[in-house]
Amino acid sequence: MADYLIVNDQKISLDEIGFLANVNEWNHDIAKAFAELEGIELTDEHWEVLKVLRDFYEAYEISPAMRILVKEVKKQLGNDKGNSIYLLKLFPESPARRASRIAGLPKPTNCL
């Protein structure tokens, strides 16, 4: 795993598992670079979930695991979007982990 990501000709430091080392460095270009690595093309729906994640992290200083992420998305975006199936369509395989990485947040605890 590389210890940095090149975004706009700048080296962005990553932690030992490939997540952003400093959450304060995050911006939309970094999100797009992570999304590309994850094979995800960001849509407005993705950005809504990323905002929910960033807001949650700002309030609690942790990245939410899947169950908490679903609950928070439901609270902020409604029942249609606050479910595992919706999140799996946006962020396949591991929504909490993949979305947290794209949002520039640490890996959620208890995520593989």
C-alpha atoms as a PDB file:
ATOM      1  CA  MET A   1       0.000   0.000   0.000  1.00  0.00           C
ATOM      2  CA  ALA A   2       1.403   3.395  -0.980  1.00  0.00           C
ATOM      3  CA  ASP A   3       1.955   5.854   1.839  1.00  0.00           C
ATOM      4  CA  TYR A   4       0.708   8.778  -0.215  1.00  0.00           C
ATOM      5  CA  LEU A   5      -1.775   9.751  -2.914  1.00  0.00           C
ATOM      6  CA  ILE A   6      -0.968  12.247  -5.666  1.00  0.00           C
ATOM      7  CA  VAL A   7      -3.752  14.827  -6.063  1.00  0.00           C
ATOM      8  CA  ASN A   8      -3.223  17.975  -8.145  1.00  0.00           C
ATOM      9  CA  ASP A   9       0.551  17.349  -8.165  1.00  0.00           C
ATOM     10  CA  GLN A  10       0.640  17.199  -4.354  1.00  0.00           C
ATOM     11  CA  LYS A  11       1.563  14.233  -2.179  1.00  0.00           C
ATOM     12  CA  ILE A  12      -1.240  13.515   0.263  1.00  0.00           C
ATOM     13  CA  SER A  13      -0.129  11.368   3.231  1.00  0.00           C
ATOM     14  CA  LEU A  14      -1.982   8.133   3.914  1.00  0.00           C
ATOM     15  CA  ASP A  15      -1.980   5.921   6.983  1.00  0.00           C
ATOM     16  CA  GLU A  16      -0.710   2.334   6.965  1.00  0.00           C
ATOM     17  CA  ILE A  17      -3.986   0.968   5.516  1.00  0.00           C
ATOM     18  CA  GLY A  18      -4.481   3.598   2.809  1.00  0.00           C
ATOM     19  CA  PHE A  19      -6.820   6.057   4.513  1.00  0.00           C
ATOM     20  CA  LEU A  20      -6.133   9.794   4.686  1.00  0.00           C
ATOM     21  CA  ALA A  21      -3.568  10.450   7.426  1.00  0.00           C
ATOM     22  CA  ASN A  22      -4.905  13.927   8.273  1.00  0.00           C
ATOM     23  CA  VAL A  23      -8.697  14.343   8.033  1.00  0.00           C
ATOM     24  CA  ASN A  24      -8.261  18.119   7.840  1.00  0.00           C
ATOM     25  CA  GLU A  25      -6.511  17.832   4.462  1.00  0.00           C
ATOM     26  CA  TRP A  26      -9.626  16.372   2.817  1.00  0.00           C
ATOM     27  CA  ASN A  27     -11.267  18.146  -0.093  1.00  0.00           C
ATOM     28  CA  HIS A  28     -13.421  17.202  -3.091  1.00  0.00           C
ATOM     29  CA  ASP A  29     -10.395  16.446  -5.273  1.00  0.00           C
ATOM     30  CA  ILE A  30      -9.092  13.981  -2.698  1.00  0.00           C
ATOM     31  CA  ALA A  31     -12.550  12.396  -2.503  1.00  0.00           C
ATOM     32  CA  LYS A  32     -12.586  11.994  -6.289  1.00  0.00           C
ATOM     33  CA  ALA A  33      -9.107  10.418  -6.225  1.00  0.00           C
ATOM     34  CA  PHE A  34     -10.136   7.914  -3.528  1.00  0.00           C
ATOM     35  CA  ALA A  35     -13.375   7.172  -5.402  1.00  0.00           C
ATOM     36  CA  GLU A  36     -11.393   6.440  -8.545  1.00  0.00           C
ATOM     37  CA  LEU A  37      -9.202   4.011  -6.584  1.00  0.00           C
ATOM     38  CA  GLU A  38     -12.375   2.362  -5.298  1.00  0.00           C
ATOM     39  CA  GLY A  39     -13.853   2.164  -8.805  1.00  0.00           C
ATOM     40  CA  ILE A  40     -16.712   4.507  -7.911  1.00  0.00           C
ATOM     41  CA  GLU A  41     -17.929   7.453  -9.981  1.00  0.00           C
ATOM     42  CA  LEU A  42     -19.300  10.021  -7.538  1.00  0.00           C
ATOM     43  CA  THR A  43     -22.859  11.246  -8.070  1.00  0.00           C
ATOM     44  CA  ASP A  44     -24.978  13.688  -6.070  1.00  0.00           C
ATOM     45  CA  GLU A  45     -26.229  10.705  -4.035  1.00  0.00           C
ATOM     46  CA  HIS A  46     -22.662   9.774  -3.088  1.00  0.00           C
ATOM     47  CA  TRP A  47     -21.886  13.360  -2.047  1.00  0.00           C
ATOM     48  CA  GLU A  48     -24.986  13.380   0.218  1.00  0.00           C
ATOM     49  CA  VAL A  49     -23.722  10.315   2.076  1.00  0.00           C
ATOM     50  CA  LEU A  50     -20.188  11.720   2.250  1.00  0.00           C
ATOM     51  CA  LYS A  51     -21.598  14.872   3.859  1.00  0.00           C
ATOM     52  CA  VAL A  52     -23.492  12.769   6.407  1.00  0.00           C
ATOM     53  CA  LEU A  53     -20.239  10.985   7.233  1.00  0.00           C
ATOM     54  CA  ARG A  54     -18.240  14.188   7.547  1.00  0.00           C
ATOM     55  CA  ASP A  55     -20.932  15.727   9.783  1.00  0.00           C
ATOM     56  CA  PHE A  56     -21.013  12.611  11.973  1.00  0.00           C
ATOM     57  CA  TYR A  57     -17.226  12.624  12.306  1.00  0.00           C
ATOM     58  CA  GLU A  58     -17.215  16.312  13.188  1.00  0.00           C
ATOM     59  CA  ALA A  59     -19.769  15.693  15.957  1.00  0.00           C
ATOM     60  CA  TYR A  60     -18.342  12.448  17.429  1.00  0.00           C
ATOM     61  CA  GLU A  61     -14.739  12.181  16.145  1.00  0.00           C
ATOM     62  CA  ILE A  62     -15.264   8.606  14.930  1.00  0.00           C
ATOM     63  CA  SER A  63     -16.256   7.041  11.634  1.00  0.00           C
ATOM     64  CA  PRO A  64     -19.559   5.208  12.009  1.00  0.00           C
ATOM     65  CA  ALA A  65     -19.791   1.466  11.480  1.00  0.00           C
ATOM     66  CA  MET A  66     -22.484   0.228   9.086  1.00  0.00           C
ATOM     67  CA  ARG A  67     -25.412   0.055  11.501  1.00  0.00           C
ATOM     68  CA  ILE A  68     -24.783   3.568  12.791  1.00  0.00           C
ATOM     69  CA  LEU A  69     -24.209   4.864   9.257  1.00  0.00           C
ATOM     70  CA  VAL A  70     -27.586   3.496   8.121  1.00  0.00           C
ATOM     71  CA  LYS A  71     -29.289   5.106  11.112  1.00  0.00           C
ATOM     72  CA  GLU A  72     -27.597   8.461  10.506  1.00  0.00           C
ATOM     73  CA  VAL A  73     -28.362   8.455   6.764  1.00  0.00           C
ATOM     74  CA  LYS A  74     -31.998   7.630   7.565  1.00  0.00           C
ATOM     75  CA  LYS A  75     -32.123  10.507  10.060  1.00  0.00           C
ATOM     76  CA  GLN A  76     -30.606  13.053   7.666  1.00  0.00           C
ATOM     77  CA  LEU A  77     -31.746  11.850   4.227  1.00  0.00           C
ATOM     78  CA  GLY A  78     -34.911   9.868   4.903  1.00  0.00           C
ATOM     79  CA  ASN A  79     -36.119   6.278   4.862  1.00  0.00           C
ATOM     80  CA  ASP A  80     -35.544   5.775   1.120  1.00  0.00           C
ATOM     81  CA  LYS A  81     -31.813   6.330   1.532  1.00  0.00           C
ATOM     82  CA  GLY A  82     -31.338   5.144   5.100  1.00  0.00           C
ATOM     83  CA  ASN A  83     -30.992   1.435   4.432  1.00  0.00           C
ATOM     84  CA  SER A  84     -28.238  -1.066   3.721  1.00  0.00           C
ATOM     85  CA  ILE A  85     -29.368  -1.849   0.176  1.00  0.00           C
ATOM     86  CA  TYR A  86     -29.193   1.798  -0.907  1.00  0.00           C
ATOM     87  CA  LEU A  87     -25.740   2.222   0.631  1.00  0.00           C
ATOM     88  CA  LEU A  88     -24.480  -1.022  -0.920  1.00  0.00           C
ATOM     89  CA  LYS A  89     -25.520   0.228  -4.357  1.00  0.00           C
ATOM     90  CA  LEU A  90     -23.503   3.411  -3.850  1.00  0.00           C
ATOM     91  CA  PHE A  91     -20.517   1.859  -2.055  1.00  0.00           C
ATOM     92  CA  PRO A  92     -20.413  -1.881  -2.928  1.00  0.00           C
ATOM     93  CA  GLU A  93     -19.083  -4.557  -0.580  1.00  0.00           C
ATOM     94  CA  SER A  94     -18.386  -2.405   2.489  1.00  0.00           C
ATOM     95  CA  PRO A  95     -20.273   0.912   2.464  1.00  0.00           C
ATOM     96  CA  ALA A  96     -19.047   2.192   5.831  1.00  0.00           C
ATOM     97  CA  ARG A  97     -15.409   1.429   5.015  1.00  0.00           C
ATOM     98  CA  ARG A  98     -15.410   2.628   1.392  1.00  0.00           C
ATOM     99  CA  ALA A  99     -17.455   5.764   2.061  1.00  0.00           C
ATOM    100  CA  SER A 100     -15.315   6.690   5.083  1.00  0.00           C
ATOM    101  CA  ARG A 101     -12.164   6.382   2.990  1.00  0.00           C
ATOM    102  CA  ILE A 102     -13.613   8.567   0.227  1.00  0.00           C
ATOM    103  CA  ALA A 103     -14.824  11.056   2.866  1.00  0.00           C
ATOM    104  CA  GLY A 104     -11.258  11.312   4.169  1.00  0.00           C
ATOM    105  CA  LEU A 105     -12.076   9.745   7.521  1.00  0.00           C
ATOM    106  CA  PRO A 106     -10.379   6.954   9.482  1.00  0.00           C
ATOM    107  CA  LYS A 107     -11.473   3.368   8.926  1.00  0.00           C
ATOM    108  CA  PRO A 108     -14.528   2.617  11.075  1.00  0.00           C
ATOM    109  CA  THR A 109     -13.842   0.290  13.974  1.00  0.00           C
ATOM    110  CA  ASN A 110     -15.004  -3.297  13.427  1.00  0.00           C
ATOM    111  CA  CYS A 111     -14.862  -2.947   9.624  1.00  0.00           C
ATOM    112  CA  LEU A 112     -12.665  -5.398   7.744  1.00  0.00           C
END
